[in-house]
Amino acid sequence: MGSLPSTNPLLANLEGRKIPAIPCRFGQQWSWDGVEFHIWHPYADTVFEDQYPRKPNEVSCVLEVRNTSTSFWLTGDVEKQGEADITERLTQEALNDLQDKALIFMAPHHGSKTSSSQGLLTVLNPDQAFAQNGYRNRYGHPHPTVTARYQSMNIPFYQSPSTGAQVWEFPAKSELNQSEPIFWRQHSQRLWHRKGE
């Protein structure tokens, strides 16, 4: 499932190997082993052809994965216009479903200044957020204004260069407290990085 144009060679490769591939669209949802999956973006009628109606990032798949205790948002490279579309789709009923859940939010587009809009963050009000970005990457992700936005909203904002791999565990029972993620850099430090041992 993805948002590649129908003529992309990767899709042809999958088809040749008999691996099904379908476009992601708002409204798609399914359950698997007690976990729910919801696609929030792009629009249901988005056409995935050579010429996107918008910038390719604006049709990124946005997937929410949730259980009884946690809502985990994987946002791809969606930018401000796509975030505004998602904000419009978040009805009061949808927000009520999120009310008693810990919400973990992946900063869209690696924390680019074209994403993590105030509107979406205000509506979702995540408990924790993270950016997947490379150390000293040439784009400067996450952008300082985006980092400041998360900080001003008191949302813990983790970045992969300082945490390494992040392991998130979600308890199945809603009454259990959300545990802190495991950061591989701290959890599995090399012997010469450990202090006081």
N, C-alpha and C. Protein backbone atom coordinates (compact mmCIF):
# COMPACT_ATOMS: atom_id res chain seq x y z
N MET A 1 0.85 -1.17 0.00
CA MET A 1 0.00 0.00 0.00
C MET A 1 0.90 1.23 0.00
N GLY A 2 0.60 2.19 -0.88
CA GLY A 2 1.44 3.37 -0.94
C GLY A 2 0.84 4.44 -1.82
N SER A 3 1.65 5.43 -2.17
CA SER A 3 1.16 6.54 -2.98
C SER A 3 2.06 6.81 -4.19
N LEU A 4 2.71 5.77 -4.68
CA LEU A 4 3.53 5.92 -5.88
C LEU A 4 2.63 6.05 -7.11
N PRO A 5 3.07 6.82 -8.12
CA PRO A 5 2.26 6.88 -9.35
C PRO A 5 2.20 5.51 -10.03
N SER A 6 1.12 5.29 -10.74
CA SER A 6 0.86 3.96 -11.30
C SER A 6 1.94 3.52 -12.28
N THR A 7 2.71 4.47 -12.84
CA THR A 7 3.75 4.12 -13.81
C THR A 7 5.12 3.90 -13.18
N ASN A 8 5.20 3.98 -11.86
CA ASN A 8 6.49 3.82 -11.19
C ASN A 8 7.03 2.41 -11.40
N PRO A 9 8.34 2.28 -11.75
CA PRO A 9 8.91 0.94 -11.99
C PRO A 9 8.84 0.00 -10.79
N LEU A 10 8.82 0.55 -9.59
CA LEU A 10 8.71 -0.32 -8.40
C LEU A 10 7.38 -1.08 -8.40
N LEU A 11 6.31 -0.40 -8.83
CA LEU A 11 5.01 -1.07 -8.89
C LEU A 11 5.01 -2.15 -9.97
N ALA A 12 5.66 -1.87 -11.09
CA ALA A 12 5.77 -2.88 -12.15
C ALA A 12 6.55 -4.09 -11.65
N ASN A 13 7.59 -3.84 -10.86
CA ASN A 13 8.38 -4.93 -10.30
C ASN A 13 7.53 -5.78 -9.37
N LEU A 14 6.72 -5.15 -8.52
CA LEU A 14 5.85 -5.90 -7.62
C LEU A 14 4.84 -6.72 -8.41
N GLU A 15 4.27 -6.10 -9.43
CA GLU A 15 3.28 -6.81 -10.24
C GLU A 15 3.91 -8.03 -10.91
N GLY A 16 5.14 -7.88 -11.42
CA GLY A 16 5.84 -8.99 -12.04
C GLY A 16 6.11 -10.13 -11.08
N ARG A 17 6.23 -9.81 -9.80
CA ARG A 17 6.47 -10.83 -8.78
C ARG A 17 5.18 -11.28 -8.10
N LYS A 18 4.05 -10.86 -8.65
CA LYS A 18 2.72 -11.24 -8.15
C LYS A 18 2.48 -10.77 -6.71
N ILE A 19 3.03 -9.61 -6.37
CA ILE A 19 2.81 -9.02 -5.05
C ILE A 19 1.79 -7.90 -5.22
N PRO A 20 0.63 -8.00 -4.57
CA PRO A 20 -0.39 -6.97 -4.77
C PRO A 20 0.04 -5.64 -4.17
N ALA A 21 -0.31 -4.56 -4.85
CA ALA A 21 -0.03 -3.21 -4.37
C ALA A 21 -1.24 -2.34 -4.69
N ILE A 22 -1.73 -1.63 -3.69
CA ILE A 22 -2.87 -0.74 -3.89
C ILE A 22 -2.54 0.64 -3.34
N PRO A 23 -3.19 1.68 -3.88
CA PRO A 23 -2.95 3.01 -3.34
C PRO A 23 -3.63 3.18 -1.99
N CYS A 24 -3.00 3.96 -1.12
CA CYS A 24 -3.64 4.26 0.17
C CYS A 24 -4.58 5.44 -0.02
N ARG A 25 -5.72 5.38 0.65
CA ARG A 25 -6.72 6.44 0.53
C ARG A 25 -7.46 6.59 1.85
N PHE A 26 -7.84 7.83 2.16
CA PHE A 26 -8.59 8.11 3.37
C PHE A 26 -9.83 7.22 3.45
N GLY A 27 -10.07 6.68 4.63
CA GLY A 27 -11.24 5.82 4.86
C GLY A 27 -10.90 4.35 4.90
N GLN A 28 -9.75 3.96 4.35
CA GLN A 28 -9.37 2.56 4.44
C GLN A 28 -9.05 2.24 5.90
N GLN A 29 -9.54 1.11 6.36
CA GLN A 29 -9.25 0.68 7.73
C GLN A 29 -9.40 -0.83 7.82
N TRP A 30 -8.66 -1.38 8.76
CA TRP A 30 -8.72 -2.82 8.98
C TRP A 30 -8.23 -3.12 10.39
N SER A 31 -8.51 -4.31 10.86
CA SER A 31 -8.05 -4.78 12.17
C SER A 31 -7.24 -6.03 11.97
N TRP A 32 -6.23 -6.16 12.81
CA TRP A 32 -5.39 -7.35 12.74
C TRP A 32 -4.87 -7.64 14.13
N ASP A 33 -5.22 -8.78 14.67
CA ASP A 33 -4.75 -9.24 15.97
C ASP A 33 -5.00 -8.20 17.07
N GLY A 34 -6.18 -7.60 17.07
CA GLY A 34 -6.55 -6.63 18.10
C GLY A 34 -5.98 -5.24 17.89
N VAL A 35 -5.31 -5.01 16.76
CA VAL A 35 -4.75 -3.70 16.45
C VAL A 35 -5.52 -3.12 15.27
N GLU A 36 -5.88 -1.84 15.37
CA GLU A 36 -6.64 -1.18 14.31
C GLU A 36 -5.72 -0.30 13.49
N PHE A 37 -6.00 -0.24 12.18
CA PHE A 37 -5.23 0.57 11.25
C PHE A 37 -6.20 1.50 10.52
N HIS A 38 -5.86 2.79 10.47
CA HIS A 38 -6.72 3.80 9.82
C HIS A 38 -5.86 4.65 8.90
N ILE A 39 -6.28 4.78 7.63
CA ILE A 39 -5.61 5.70 6.71
C ILE A 39 -6.32 7.05 6.79
N TRP A 40 -5.56 8.12 7.07
CA TRP A 40 -6.11 9.46 7.19
C TRP A 40 -5.85 10.34 5.97
N HIS A 41 -4.94 9.92 5.12
CA HIS A 41 -4.59 10.77 3.97
C HIS A 41 -3.92 9.90 2.93
N PRO A 42 -4.06 10.14 1.64
CA PRO A 42 -4.69 11.29 0.98
C PRO A 42 -6.18 11.08 0.76
N TYR A 43 -6.81 12.05 0.08
CA TYR A 43 -8.24 11.97 -0.21
C TYR A 43 -8.60 10.64 -0.85
N ALA A 44 -9.82 10.20 -0.62
CA ALA A 44 -10.27 8.92 -1.17
C ALA A 44 -10.27 8.92 -2.69
N ASP A 45 -10.46 10.09 -3.32
CA ASP A 45 -10.53 10.12 -4.79
C ASP A 45 -9.21 10.54 -5.44
N THR A 46 -8.10 10.50 -4.70
CA THR A 46 -6.81 10.87 -5.25
C THR A 46 -6.43 9.91 -6.38
N VAL A 47 -5.95 10.47 -7.49
CA VAL A 47 -5.52 9.66 -8.63
C VAL A 47 -4.00 9.63 -8.63
N PHE A 48 -3.43 8.45 -8.68
CA PHE A 48 -1.98 8.28 -8.62
C PHE A 48 -1.44 8.05 -10.03
N GLU A 49 -1.29 9.13 -10.76
CA GLU A 49 -0.76 9.07 -12.12
C GLU A 49 0.59 9.77 -12.16
N ASP A 50 1.16 9.92 -13.38
CA ASP A 50 2.46 10.59 -13.51
C ASP A 50 2.43 12.00 -12.94
N GLN A 51 1.38 12.73 -13.23
CA GLN A 51 1.26 14.10 -12.75
C GLN A 51 0.30 14.14 -11.57
N TYR A 52 0.86 14.26 -10.37
CA TYR A 52 0.01 14.38 -9.19
C TYR A 52 -0.74 15.71 -9.23
N PRO A 53 -1.93 15.76 -8.64
CA PRO A 53 -2.63 17.04 -8.58
C PRO A 53 -1.91 18.03 -7.66
N ARG A 54 -1.04 17.52 -6.79
CA ARG A 54 -0.26 18.34 -5.87
C ARG A 54 1.17 17.85 -5.87
N LYS A 55 2.01 18.48 -5.02
CA LYS A 55 3.37 17.98 -4.83
C LYS A 55 3.29 16.52 -4.36
N PRO A 56 4.24 15.67 -4.78
CA PRO A 56 4.19 14.26 -4.35
C PRO A 56 4.11 14.08 -2.84
N ASN A 57 4.82 14.92 -2.08
CA ASN A 57 4.76 14.78 -0.62
C ASN A 57 3.35 14.96 -0.08
N GLU A 58 2.56 15.79 -0.75
CA GLU A 58 1.21 16.08 -0.25
C GLU A 58 0.24 14.91 -0.41
N VAL A 59 0.65 13.88 -1.13
CA VAL A 59 -0.21 12.69 -1.22
C VAL A 59 0.39 11.52 -0.45
N SER A 60 1.32 11.82 0.46
CA SER A 60 1.89 10.76 1.30
C SER A 60 0.80 10.06 2.10
N CYS A 61 0.98 8.76 2.28
CA CYS A 61 0.07 8.02 3.15
C CYS A 61 0.28 8.46 4.59
N VAL A 62 -0.81 8.65 5.30
CA VAL A 62 -0.75 8.91 6.74
C VAL A 62 -1.56 7.80 7.40
N LEU A 63 -0.87 7.02 8.22
CA LEU A 63 -1.46 5.82 8.83
C LEU A 63 -1.46 5.96 10.35
N GLU A 64 -2.62 5.73 10.94
CA GLU A 64 -2.72 5.65 12.40
C GLU A 64 -2.84 4.18 12.77
N VAL A 65 -2.03 3.74 13.73
CA VAL A 65 -2.08 2.38 14.26
C VAL A 65 -2.49 2.51 15.72
N ARG A 66 -3.55 1.82 16.13
CA ARG A 66 -3.99 1.99 17.52
C ARG A 66 -4.42 0.68 18.14
N ASN A 67 -4.24 0.63 19.46
CA ASN A 67 -4.83 -0.44 20.26
C ASN A 67 -5.66 0.24 21.34
N THR A 68 -5.99 -0.47 22.41
CA THR A 68 -6.87 0.12 23.42
C THR A 68 -6.20 1.22 24.23
N SER A 69 -4.86 1.28 24.21
CA SER A 69 -4.16 2.26 25.06
C SER A 69 -3.46 3.36 24.28
N THR A 70 -3.13 3.12 23.01
CA THR A 70 -2.20 3.99 22.31
C THR A 70 -2.64 4.24 20.87
N SER A 71 -2.39 5.46 20.40
CA SER A 71 -2.59 5.82 19.00
C SER A 71 -1.23 6.27 18.48
N PHE A 72 -0.75 5.61 17.43
CA PHE A 72 0.60 5.84 16.89
C PHE A 72 0.44 6.31 15.44
N TRP A 73 0.91 7.53 15.15
CA TRP A 73 0.70 8.15 13.83
C TRP A 73 1.99 8.10 13.01
N LEU A 74 1.90 7.46 11.85
CA LEU A 74 3.01 7.42 10.88
C LEU A 74 2.62 8.34 9.73
N THR A 75 3.35 9.42 9.54
CA THR A 75 2.87 10.53 8.72
C THR A 75 3.58 10.70 7.39
N GLY A 76 4.56 9.88 7.08
CA GLY A 76 5.25 10.00 5.81
C GLY A 76 5.85 11.38 5.62
N ASP A 77 5.73 11.93 4.40
CA ASP A 77 6.28 13.24 4.08
C ASP A 77 5.19 14.28 3.88
N VAL A 78 4.01 14.06 4.44
CA VAL A 78 2.90 14.99 4.22
C VAL A 78 3.32 16.39 4.68
N GLU A 79 2.79 17.40 3.97
CA GLU A 79 3.13 18.79 4.27
C GLU A 79 1.88 19.54 4.70
N LYS A 80 2.00 20.88 4.83
CA LYS A 80 0.95 21.68 5.47
C LYS A 80 -0.43 21.51 4.86
N GLN A 81 -0.54 21.47 3.52
CA GLN A 81 -1.86 21.34 2.92
C GLN A 81 -2.48 19.98 3.26
N GLY A 82 -1.69 18.92 3.19
CA GLY A 82 -2.19 17.61 3.58
C GLY A 82 -2.57 17.58 5.06
N GLU A 83 -1.77 18.24 5.90
CA GLU A 83 -2.09 18.30 7.33
C GLU A 83 -3.40 19.04 7.55
N ALA A 84 -3.64 20.11 6.76
CA ALA A 84 -4.91 20.84 6.88
C ALA A 84 -6.08 19.94 6.49
N ASP A 85 -5.88 19.11 5.44
CA ASP A 85 -6.92 18.16 5.04
C ASP A 85 -7.22 17.18 6.17
N ILE A 86 -6.17 16.68 6.81
CA ILE A 86 -6.37 15.73 7.92
C ILE A 86 -7.10 16.41 9.06
N THR A 87 -6.73 17.65 9.37
CA THR A 87 -7.38 18.40 10.45
C THR A 87 -8.88 18.50 10.19
N GLU A 88 -9.27 18.76 8.92
CA GLU A 88 -10.69 18.83 8.57
C GLU A 88 -11.38 17.49 8.77
N ARG A 89 -10.67 16.38 8.53
CA ARG A 89 -11.28 15.05 8.64
C ARG A 89 -11.43 14.60 10.09
N LEU A 90 -10.71 15.22 10.99
CA LEU A 90 -10.75 14.80 12.40
C LEU A 90 -12.02 15.34 13.05
N THR A 91 -13.10 14.60 12.86
CA THR A 91 -14.38 14.99 13.44
C THR A 91 -14.31 14.85 14.96
N GLN A 92 -15.29 15.40 15.64
CA GLN A 92 -15.35 15.30 17.10
C GLN A 92 -15.42 13.84 17.52
N GLU A 93 -16.13 13.03 16.75
CA GLU A 93 -16.23 11.60 17.06
C GLU A 93 -14.86 10.94 16.99
N ALA A 94 -14.09 11.27 15.93
CA ALA A 94 -12.75 10.69 15.80
C ALA A 94 -11.85 11.14 16.94
N LEU A 95 -11.96 12.40 17.32
CA LEU A 95 -11.14 12.91 18.42
C LEU A 95 -11.54 12.28 19.75
N ASN A 96 -12.84 12.01 19.93
CA ASN A 96 -13.30 11.34 21.15
C ASN A 96 -12.70 9.94 21.25
N ASP A 97 -12.54 9.25 20.11
CA ASP A 97 -11.93 7.92 20.10
C ASP A 97 -10.48 7.98 20.56
N LEU A 98 -9.83 9.12 20.37
CA LEU A 98 -8.43 9.27 20.75
C LEU A 98 -8.25 9.76 22.19
N GLN A 99 -9.32 10.22 22.79
CA GLN A 99 -9.25 10.93 24.07
C GLN A 99 -8.50 10.17 25.18
N ASP A 100 -8.77 8.90 25.35
CA ASP A 100 -8.18 8.14 26.45
C ASP A 100 -6.93 7.37 26.03
N LYS A 101 -6.38 7.72 24.90
CA LYS A 101 -5.20 7.01 24.40
C LYS A 101 -3.97 7.91 24.46
N ALA A 102 -2.81 7.29 24.73
CA ALA A 102 -1.55 8.01 24.58
C ALA A 102 -1.30 8.17 23.08
N LEU A 103 -1.01 9.39 22.63
CA LEU A 103 -0.83 9.63 21.20
C LEU A 103 0.64 9.90 20.91
N ILE A 104 1.22 9.05 20.07
CA ILE A 104 2.61 9.17 19.64
C ILE A 104 2.59 9.62 18.19
N PHE A 105 3.36 10.65 17.86
CA PHE A 105 3.26 11.30 16.56
C PHE A 105 4.63 11.38 15.89
N MET A 106 4.73 10.83 14.68
CA MET A 106 5.95 10.96 13.91
C MET A 106 5.91 12.31 13.19
N ALA A 107 6.90 13.16 13.45
CA ALA A 107 6.95 14.46 12.79
C ALA A 107 6.98 14.25 11.28
N PRO A 108 6.01 14.82 10.55
CA PRO A 108 5.99 14.62 9.10
C PRO A 108 7.24 15.18 8.43
N HIS A 109 7.63 14.53 7.35
CA HIS A 109 8.73 14.99 6.50
C HIS A 109 10.00 15.28 7.31
N HIS A 110 10.29 14.40 8.26
CA HIS A 110 11.53 14.45 9.05
C HIS A 110 11.66 15.72 9.87
N GLY A 111 10.54 16.41 10.10
CA GLY A 111 10.61 17.68 10.84
C GLY A 111 10.87 18.87 9.94
N SER A 112 10.56 18.75 8.66
CA SER A 112 10.74 19.86 7.71
C SER A 112 9.90 21.06 8.13
N LYS A 113 10.36 22.26 7.76
CA LYS A 113 9.61 23.47 8.10
C LYS A 113 8.30 23.55 7.33
N THR A 114 8.10 22.69 6.31
CA THR A 114 6.85 22.68 5.56
C THR A 114 5.80 21.78 6.22
N SER A 115 6.11 21.23 7.38
CA SER A 115 5.20 20.28 8.03
C SER A 115 5.09 20.59 9.53
N SER A 116 4.47 19.68 10.27
CA SER A 116 4.22 19.86 11.71
C SER A 116 3.51 21.19 11.96
N SER A 117 2.42 21.41 11.22
CA SER A 117 1.68 22.67 11.35
C SER A 117 1.04 22.79 12.72
N GLN A 118 0.94 24.04 13.16
CA GLN A 118 0.34 24.33 14.47
C GLN A 118 -1.08 23.78 14.55
N GLY A 119 -1.83 23.89 13.44
CA GLY A 119 -3.23 23.44 13.44
C GLY A 119 -3.37 21.96 13.75
N LEU A 120 -2.60 21.13 13.06
CA LEU A 120 -2.70 19.69 13.28
C LEU A 120 -2.21 19.31 14.67
N LEU A 121 -1.10 19.92 15.09
CA LEU A 121 -0.57 19.60 16.42
C LEU A 121 -1.55 20.01 17.52
N THR A 122 -2.22 21.13 17.33
CA THR A 122 -3.18 21.60 18.33
C THR A 122 -4.37 20.64 18.42
N VAL A 123 -4.85 20.17 17.27
CA VAL A 123 -6.00 19.26 17.26
C VAL A 123 -5.64 17.90 17.85
N LEU A 124 -4.50 17.35 17.43
CA LEU A 124 -4.11 16.02 17.91
C LEU A 124 -3.53 16.06 19.32
N ASN A 125 -2.79 17.13 19.63
CA ASN A 125 -2.16 17.30 20.94
C ASN A 125 -1.40 16.03 21.37
N PRO A 126 -0.36 15.65 20.61
CA PRO A 126 0.34 14.39 20.92
C PRO A 126 1.01 14.42 22.29
N ASP A 127 1.12 13.24 22.89
CA ASP A 127 1.83 13.11 24.17
C ASP A 127 3.33 13.07 23.96
N GLN A 128 3.76 12.48 22.85
CA GLN A 128 5.18 12.39 22.51
C GLN A 128 5.30 12.46 21.00
N ALA A 129 6.46 12.93 20.52
CA ALA A 129 6.69 13.00 19.08
C ALA A 129 8.14 12.63 18.79
N PHE A 130 8.39 12.24 17.55
CA PHE A 130 9.76 11.90 17.16
C PHE A 130 9.98 12.27 15.71
N ALA A 131 11.23 12.56 15.38
CA ALA A 131 11.62 12.82 13.99
C ALA A 131 12.64 11.78 13.58
N GLN A 132 12.46 11.23 12.40
CA GLN A 132 13.45 10.32 11.82
C GLN A 132 14.28 11.15 10.85
N ASN A 133 15.50 11.40 11.22
CA ASN A 133 16.37 12.23 10.38
C ASN A 133 17.81 11.79 10.56
N GLY A 134 18.62 12.09 9.55
CA GLY A 134 20.02 11.71 9.60
C GLY A 134 20.86 12.73 10.36
N TYR A 135 21.91 12.27 10.96
CA TYR A 135 22.84 13.15 11.69
C TYR A 135 23.43 14.18 10.72
N ARG A 136 23.34 15.44 11.07
CA ARG A 136 23.87 16.55 10.27
C ARG A 136 23.43 16.44 8.80
N ASN A 137 22.17 16.08 8.58
CA ASN A 137 21.68 15.92 7.21
C ASN A 137 21.68 17.26 6.47
N ARG A 138 21.81 17.20 5.16
CA ARG A 138 22.00 18.41 4.35
C ARG A 138 20.76 19.30 4.30
N TYR A 139 19.60 18.76 4.69
CA TYR A 139 18.38 19.56 4.67
C TYR A 139 18.16 20.33 5.99
N GLY A 140 18.94 20.00 6.99
CA GLY A 140 18.77 20.66 8.29
C GLY A 140 17.53 20.20 9.04
N HIS A 141 17.05 18.99 8.73
CA HIS A 141 15.89 18.46 9.46
C HIS A 141 16.30 17.93 10.83
N PRO A 142 15.50 18.13 11.84
CA PRO A 142 14.29 18.93 11.84
C PRO A 142 14.62 20.42 11.87
N HIS A 143 13.76 21.21 11.28
CA HIS A 143 13.99 22.65 11.22
C HIS A 143 13.84 23.24 12.63
N PRO A 144 14.68 24.22 12.98
CA PRO A 144 14.61 24.80 14.33
C PRO A 144 13.22 25.34 14.70
N THR A 145 12.47 25.89 13.73
CA THR A 145 11.14 26.39 14.06
C THR A 145 10.19 25.25 14.43
N VAL A 146 10.39 24.10 13.81
CA VAL A 146 9.55 22.94 14.12
C VAL A 146 9.91 22.39 15.50
N THR A 147 11.21 22.28 15.77
CA THR A 147 11.64 21.83 17.11
C THR A 147 11.08 22.77 18.17
N ALA A 148 11.16 24.07 17.92
CA ALA A 148 10.64 25.06 18.88
C ALA A 148 9.13 24.93 19.06
N ARG A 149 8.43 24.58 17.98
CA ARG A 149 6.97 24.43 18.06
C ARG A 149 6.61 23.28 19.01
N TYR A 150 7.29 22.14 18.86
CA TYR A 150 7.03 21.02 19.78
C TYR A 150 7.38 21.40 21.21
N GLN A 151 8.51 22.09 21.39
CA GLN A 151 8.92 22.49 22.74
C GLN A 151 7.92 23.46 23.36
N SER A 152 7.41 24.40 22.56
CA SER A 152 6.47 25.39 23.10
C SER A 152 5.15 24.75 23.53
N MET A 153 4.85 23.59 22.94
CA MET A 153 3.63 22.87 23.30
C MET A 153 3.90 21.80 24.36
N ASN A 154 5.13 21.78 24.89
CA ASN A 154 5.52 20.80 25.91
C ASN A 154 5.34 19.36 25.45
N ILE A 155 5.63 19.12 24.17
CA ILE A 155 5.58 17.77 23.61
C ILE A 155 7.00 17.24 23.54
N PRO A 156 7.34 16.19 24.30
CA PRO A 156 8.69 15.62 24.16
C PRO A 156 8.95 15.26 22.71
N PHE A 157 10.11 15.68 22.20
CA PHE A 157 10.40 15.55 20.77
C PHE A 157 11.74 14.86 20.62
N TYR A 158 11.71 13.57 20.24
CA TYR A 158 12.91 12.75 20.14
C TYR A 158 13.42 12.76 18.69
N GLN A 159 14.73 12.71 18.53
CA GLN A 159 15.32 12.71 17.20
C GLN A 159 16.28 11.54 17.08
N SER A 160 16.18 10.83 15.97
CA SER A 160 16.93 9.59 15.81
C SER A 160 18.46 9.76 15.89
N PRO A 161 19.07 10.89 15.49
CA PRO A 161 20.53 10.98 15.67
C PRO A 161 20.97 10.87 17.13
N SER A 162 20.14 11.36 18.05
CA SER A 162 20.52 11.27 19.46
C SER A 162 19.98 10.03 20.15
N THR A 163 18.91 9.44 19.63
CA THR A 163 18.34 8.27 20.29
C THR A 163 18.79 6.95 19.68
N GLY A 164 19.20 6.97 18.40
CA GLY A 164 19.38 5.72 17.67
C GLY A 164 18.01 5.12 17.42
N ALA A 165 17.96 3.82 17.22
CA ALA A 165 16.67 3.15 17.02
C ALA A 165 15.78 3.40 18.24
N GLN A 166 14.51 3.55 17.96
CA GLN A 166 13.54 3.76 19.04
C GLN A 166 12.61 2.56 19.11
N VAL A 167 12.44 2.01 20.29
CA VAL A 167 11.54 0.87 20.49
C VAL A 167 10.37 1.36 21.32
N TRP A 168 9.18 1.32 20.72
CA TRP A 168 7.97 1.77 21.40
C TRP A 168 7.15 0.55 21.78
N GLU A 169 6.74 0.46 23.03
CA GLU A 169 5.91 -0.64 23.48
C GLU A 169 4.57 -0.08 23.93
N PHE A 170 3.50 -0.74 23.50
CA PHE A 170 2.17 -0.24 23.81
C PHE A 170 1.40 -1.29 24.59
N PRO A 171 1.08 -1.00 25.85
CA PRO A 171 0.31 -1.97 26.63
C PRO A 171 -1.06 -2.18 26.01
N ALA A 172 -1.57 -3.39 26.15
CA ALA A 172 -2.86 -3.72 25.56
C ALA A 172 -4.03 -3.16 26.36
N LYS A 173 -3.84 -2.93 27.63
CA LYS A 173 -4.92 -2.45 28.49
C LYS A 173 -4.85 -0.94 28.62
N SER A 174 -5.99 -0.28 28.44
CA SER A 174 -6.00 1.17 28.46
C SER A 174 -5.68 1.74 29.83
N GLU A 175 -5.87 0.93 30.90
CA GLU A 175 -5.60 1.47 32.24
C GLU A 175 -4.10 1.47 32.56
N LEU A 176 -3.29 0.78 31.76
CA LEU A 176 -1.86 0.77 32.02
C LEU A 176 -1.22 2.07 31.55
N ASN A 177 -0.20 2.53 32.26
CA ASN A 177 0.49 3.75 31.86
C ASN A 177 1.35 3.50 30.64
N GLN A 178 1.42 4.50 29.78
CA GLN A 178 2.30 4.42 28.62
C GLN A 178 3.75 4.38 29.08
N SER A 179 4.47 3.37 28.66
CA SER A 179 5.87 3.28 29.04
C SER A 179 6.70 4.17 28.15
N GLU A 180 7.84 4.61 28.66
CA GLU A 180 8.77 5.42 27.87
C GLU A 180 9.40 4.56 26.79
N PRO A 181 9.70 5.14 25.65
CA PRO A 181 10.35 4.35 24.61
C PRO A 181 11.76 3.95 25.02
N ILE A 182 12.25 2.90 24.42
CA ILE A 182 13.64 2.49 24.63
C ILE A 182 14.46 3.11 23.52
N PHE A 183 15.51 3.85 23.90
CA PHE A 183 16.39 4.47 22.92
C PHE A 183 17.65 3.63 22.84
N TRP A 184 17.92 3.12 21.66
CA TRP A 184 18.98 2.15 21.48
C TRP A 184 20.35 2.71 21.85
N ARG A 185 20.58 3.98 21.63
CA ARG A 185 21.88 4.58 21.97
C ARG A 185 22.15 4.50 23.47
N GLN A 186 21.10 4.71 24.29
CA GLN A 186 21.28 4.62 25.74
C GLN A 186 21.19 3.18 26.22
N HIS A 187 20.30 2.42 25.60
CA HIS A 187 20.03 1.06 26.06
C HIS A 187 21.19 0.11 25.77
N SER A 188 21.86 0.28 24.66
CA SER A 188 22.90 -0.65 24.24
C SER A 188 24.21 0.08 23.96
N GLN A 189 24.61 0.90 24.91
CA GLN A 189 25.86 1.64 24.73
C GLN A 189 27.04 0.69 24.65
N ARG A 190 28.01 1.08 23.87
CA ARG A 190 29.24 0.31 23.82
C ARG A 190 29.99 0.49 25.14
N LEU A 191 30.80 -0.46 25.47
CA LEU A 191 31.49 -0.47 26.75
C LEU A 191 32.20 0.85 27.03
N TRP A 192 32.86 1.43 26.03
CA TRP A 192 33.63 2.65 26.26
C TRP A 192 32.76 3.91 26.39
N HIS A 193 31.43 3.76 26.13
CA HIS A 193 30.54 4.91 26.33
C HIS A 193 29.85 4.88 27.69
N ARG A 194 29.97 3.77 28.39
CA ARG A 194 29.30 3.64 29.69
C ARG A 194 30.11 4.34 30.75
N LYS A 195 29.40 5.06 31.60
CA LYS A 195 30.09 5.80 32.67
C LYS A 195 29.78 5.14 34.00
N GLY A 196 30.75 5.09 34.85
CA GLY A 196 30.55 4.63 36.21
C GLY A 196 30.33 3.14 36.37
N GLU A 197 30.69 2.34 35.39
CA GLU A 197 30.52 0.89 35.54
C GLU A 197 31.84 0.24 35.84
